[in-house]
Amino acid sequence: QVQLVESGGGLVQAGGSLRLSCAASRNIFSINLMGWYRQAPGKQRELVATITSGGNTNYGASVKGRFTISRDNAKNTVYLQMNSLKPEDTAAYYCNAEFIYWGQGTQVTVSS
């Protein structure tokens, strides 16, 4: 089992940047797949990005080229660097491990 705690959300103007962090309660070296998902009000939760233990990444079409996922196994942390933010990126962002464990979410709001 692993607990995940997200941080780094906030209010930012369109075109700005934020970096989200996801701190795990234990070593993530053995966790193959970690990722970020987001959910806007009235919409389904959608994939933002995933990263494997080997460093392979996958991105949702709407964020490709703007967001970058990374992981630091030594710090038990996964990051999401978000650049060129748009109002449509406004959502609660959730960290996930192995499609099983979820964090409580962090809110990102992008103003136009």
Foldseek 3Di string as FASTA:
>chain_A
DKAKAKDWADEEAAQAKIKMKIAIPDQCLVFFKKAKWWDDPPDDIGGAKMAGSVGDMDGDPVQPPFKDWDDDRVRRMIMIIGGRDDQVVFTWMWMDTPNPYIYPTDTHGYHD
